[in-house]
């Protein structure tokens, strides 16, 4: 059974500390700084949504360049291989994959528009680039979209940063063991979070 992080909506206060810690720890590793989890709110209930590291992960199956793989009990994205097609984000049943992009320091958005790295640059036009499309299909000239998802902070010996910084203990790392009982526990946890969010926190 793969490892994963589960959130308890009863304990989550929606502070966003988990998102900040996630962004910072990945930034230090030279990876995309976009948080690998998102705190969702429904009525009076908040809970982080993040990758469940499915055993039969659909994102792995649809990736055309094999940038997503199973490694050490988790589902990992190789950012250097990702082509930003967004197929993984579309098929994810939990909406746990998003696309973030990093643009070159200097890039041309059109023949008459140049975005300089130096705000005092004498180059023409410093207007913001245009963004096309909506949601997962949005794109921007000069920006390479890259899939980002929870990687369980595999670079940290202390485990996921979000778990360590949560002030209420709402996030817990689970899994890593095999058997039908363990898989049933994971399925129950997933269903519980979805049910509580849909019911506005009513148990």
Protein backbone atom coordinates (compact mmCIF):
# COMPACT_ATOMS: atom_id res chain seq x y z
CA UNK A 1 0.00 0.00 0.00
CA UNK A 2 1.27 3.46 -0.88
CA UNK A 3 1.87 6.13 1.72
CA UNK A 4 -0.39 9.18 1.78
CA UNK A 5 -1.42 12.13 3.93
CA UNK A 6 -4.98 12.36 5.21
CA UNK A 7 -6.68 15.48 6.56
CA UNK A 8 -9.25 15.60 9.36
CA UNK A 9 -11.82 18.35 8.62
CA UNK A 10 -12.80 18.38 12.31
CA UNK A 11 -9.33 19.65 13.23
CA UNK A 12 -8.47 21.82 10.22
CA UNK A 13 -8.86 25.56 10.88
CA UNK A 14 -8.00 26.68 7.35
CA UNK A 15 -4.91 28.67 8.37
CA UNK A 16 -2.92 27.75 5.25
CA UNK A 17 0.26 26.99 7.19
CA UNK A 18 0.53 23.66 5.37
CA UNK A 19 0.50 25.37 1.98
CA UNK A 20 3.18 27.85 3.01
CA UNK A 21 5.44 25.10 4.37
CA UNK A 22 4.96 23.02 1.23
CA UNK A 23 5.89 25.92 -1.02
CA UNK A 24 8.97 26.83 1.00
CA UNK A 25 10.42 23.33 1.29
CA UNK A 26 10.10 22.70 -2.45
CA UNK A 27 11.53 26.11 -3.28
CA UNK A 28 14.67 25.18 -1.34
CA UNK A 29 15.01 22.08 -3.52
CA UNK A 30 14.85 24.12 -6.73
CA UNK A 31 11.42 22.72 -7.60
CA UNK A 32 8.20 24.51 -8.50
CA UNK A 33 7.13 26.65 -5.55
CA UNK A 34 3.42 26.09 -6.14
CA UNK A 35 1.96 24.31 -3.05
CA UNK A 36 1.29 20.61 -3.56
CA UNK A 37 -1.94 20.84 -1.55
CA UNK A 38 -4.87 23.23 -1.50
CA UNK A 39 -7.02 24.13 1.49
CA UNK A 40 -10.63 23.88 0.35
CA UNK A 41 -13.60 25.44 2.14
CA UNK A 42 -17.23 24.37 2.00
CA UNK A 43 -19.64 26.27 4.24
CA UNK A 44 -18.01 26.03 7.69
CA UNK A 45 -15.64 23.16 6.89
CA UNK A 46 -12.05 23.43 5.66
CA UNK A 47 -9.65 20.67 4.70
CA UNK A 48 -6.52 20.35 2.57
CA UNK A 49 -6.85 18.36 -0.65
CA UNK A 50 -3.73 16.55 -1.79
CA UNK A 51 -2.61 13.52 -3.76
CA UNK A 52 -3.76 10.13 -2.45
CA UNK A 53 -0.95 8.27 -4.22
CA UNK A 54 -3.34 5.76 -5.77
CA UNK A 55 -2.04 2.22 -6.22
CA UNK A 56 -3.59 2.13 -9.70
CA UNK A 57 -2.92 5.78 -10.44
CA UNK A 58 -4.72 7.07 -13.56
CA UNK A 59 -2.26 9.95 -13.87
CA UNK A 60 0.56 7.47 -14.52
CA UNK A 61 -1.44 5.78 -17.27
CA UNK A 62 -2.26 8.94 -19.22
CA UNK A 63 1.10 10.71 -19.07
CA UNK A 64 2.40 10.64 -22.67
CA UNK A 65 6.05 11.10 -21.69
CA UNK A 66 6.19 8.82 -18.64
CA UNK A 67 6.95 11.74 -16.34
CA UNK A 68 4.89 10.20 -13.51
CA UNK A 69 5.88 6.98 -11.79
CA UNK A 70 5.54 4.90 -8.63
CA UNK A 71 8.59 5.24 -6.39
CA UNK A 72 9.03 3.97 -2.84
CA UNK A 73 5.31 3.78 -2.12
CA UNK A 74 4.35 7.12 -3.64
CA UNK A 75 3.44 8.66 -6.99
CA UNK A 76 6.11 11.08 -8.21
CA UNK A 77 6.27 13.65 -11.02
CA UNK A 78 9.59 14.19 -12.77
CA UNK A 79 9.35 17.92 -13.45
CA UNK A 80 12.19 17.83 -15.98
CA UNK A 81 10.18 15.45 -18.20
CA UNK A 82 6.75 17.05 -17.84
CA UNK A 83 5.47 18.72 -21.02
CA UNK A 84 2.52 20.44 -19.36
CA UNK A 85 -0.24 18.67 -21.28
CA UNK A 86 -2.49 18.67 -18.12
CA UNK A 87 -3.88 15.19 -18.85
CA UNK A 88 -2.88 14.02 -15.36
CA UNK A 89 -4.77 16.89 -13.75
CA UNK A 90 -7.86 16.15 -15.83
CA UNK A 91 -8.05 12.46 -14.87
CA UNK A 92 -7.17 12.85 -11.18
CA UNK A 93 -10.29 11.79 -9.22
CA UNK A 94 -9.36 14.03 -6.28
CA UNK A 95 -8.38 17.18 -8.17
CA UNK A 96 -5.00 16.92 -6.47
CA UNK A 97 -2.82 17.81 -9.45
CA UNK A 98 -2.41 21.38 -10.65
CA UNK A 99 -0.23 23.05 -13.23
CA UNK A 100 2.17 25.81 -12.38
CA UNK A 101 4.72 27.40 -14.63
CA UNK A 102 7.96 29.28 -14.53
CA UNK A 103 8.88 31.71 -17.27
CA UNK A 104 12.34 32.62 -18.55
CA UNK A 105 13.86 35.76 -17.02
CA UNK A 106 13.46 37.62 -20.33
CA UNK A 107 10.96 36.48 -22.91
CA UNK A 108 9.05 37.82 -25.85
CA UNK A 109 5.25 37.51 -25.73
CA UNK A 110 4.74 38.98 -29.20
CA UNK A 111 6.77 40.75 -31.83
CA UNK A 112 6.13 44.13 -30.21
CA UNK A 113 6.00 43.18 -26.52
CA UNK A 114 9.06 42.41 -24.42
CA UNK A 115 9.01 41.60 -20.69
CA UNK A 116 12.36 42.62 -19.15
CA UNK A 117 13.83 41.24 -15.95
CA UNK A 118 15.03 44.74 -15.01
CA UNK A 119 12.16 47.14 -14.24
CA UNK A 120 14.41 50.03 -15.30
CA UNK A 121 15.21 48.43 -18.64
CA UNK A 122 14.97 50.62 -21.72
CA UNK A 123 13.34 47.83 -23.71
CA UNK A 124 9.86 48.68 -25.02
CA UNK A 125 6.63 47.72 -23.29
CA UNK A 126 6.46 46.27 -19.80
CA UNK A 127 2.80 45.37 -20.01
CA UNK A 128 1.66 42.10 -18.46
CA UNK A 129 1.44 39.11 -20.81
CA UNK A 130 -1.95 37.83 -21.85
CA UNK A 131 -3.37 34.59 -20.51
CA UNK A 132 -5.55 32.41 -22.73
CA UNK A 133 -8.16 29.82 -21.76
CA UNK A 134 -9.61 28.97 -18.37
CA UNK A 135 -8.91 26.56 -15.53
CA UNK A 136 -6.65 23.65 -16.35
CA UNK A 137 -6.52 24.69 -20.00
CA UNK A 138 -5.26 28.21 -19.31
CA UNK A 139 -1.92 29.06 -20.86
CA UNK A 140 0.36 32.05 -21.16
CA UNK A 141 2.94 32.86 -23.84
CA UNK A 142 6.47 32.24 -22.59
CA UNK A 143 5.37 30.06 -19.68
CA UNK A 144 5.95 26.32 -19.47
CA UNK A 145 3.21 24.64 -17.44
CA UNK A 146 4.44 21.88 -15.15
CA UNK A 147 2.31 19.40 -13.21
CA UNK A 148 2.74 19.70 -9.46
CA UNK A 149 1.38 17.29 -6.86
CA UNK A 150 2.22 15.98 -3.42
CA UNK A 151 5.47 14.02 -3.38
CA UNK A 152 5.37 13.39 0.38
CA UNK A 153 8.43 15.64 0.63
CA UNK A 154 10.63 12.70 -0.31
CA UNK A 155 13.66 14.98 0.06
CA UNK A 156 12.94 15.47 3.79
CA UNK A 157 14.05 12.84 6.26
CA UNK A 158 11.36 14.06 8.68
CA UNK A 159 8.56 13.39 6.22
CA UNK A 160 5.96 15.75 4.74
CA UNK A 161 6.45 19.36 5.83
CA UNK A 162 2.70 19.97 6.01
CA UNK A 163 2.29 17.27 8.65
CA UNK A 164 5.07 18.73 10.77
CA UNK A 165 3.79 22.31 10.79
CA UNK A 166 0.03 21.80 11.16
CA UNK A 167 -0.83 23.55 14.46
CA UNK A 168 -3.84 21.34 15.18
CA UNK A 169 -2.52 17.98 13.99
CA UNK A 170 -5.16 17.81 11.25
CA UNK A 171 -2.71 16.21 8.80
CA UNK A 172 -1.41 12.70 9.38
CA UNK A 173 0.82 10.52 7.21
CA UNK A 174 -0.54 7.02 6.78
CA UNK A 175 0.07 3.89 4.75
CA UNK A 176 3.27 2.12 3.89
CA UNK A 177 1.84 -1.25 4.90
CA UNK A 178 0.13 -3.86 2.77
CA UNK A 179 -3.03 -5.89 2.96
CA UNK A 180 -6.73 -5.49 2.35
CA UNK A 181 -7.31 -3.94 5.78
CA UNK A 182 -4.88 -1.12 5.03
CA UNK A 183 -6.48 -0.44 1.65
CA UNK A 184 -9.93 -0.37 3.25
CA UNK A 185 -8.70 2.17 5.81
CA UNK A 186 -7.43 4.43 3.01
CA UNK A 187 -10.73 4.20 1.12
CA UNK A 188 -12.68 4.98 4.29
CA UNK A 189 -10.53 8.04 5.03
CA UNK A 190 -11.01 9.33 1.49
CA UNK A 191 -14.78 8.88 1.64
CA UNK A 192 -14.96 10.54 5.08
CA UNK A 193 -13.26 13.73 3.92
CA UNK A 194 -15.47 14.00 0.82
CA UNK A 195 -18.62 13.31 2.84
CA UNK A 196 -17.84 15.90 5.52
CA UNK A 197 -17.09 18.57 2.95
CA UNK A 198 -20.29 17.82 1.02
CA UNK A 199 -22.39 17.84 4.19
CA UNK A 200 -20.99 21.11 5.48
CA UNK A 201 -19.25 19.49 8.40
CA UNK A 202 -22.22 17.56 9.77
CA UNK A 203 -21.12 14.21 11.14
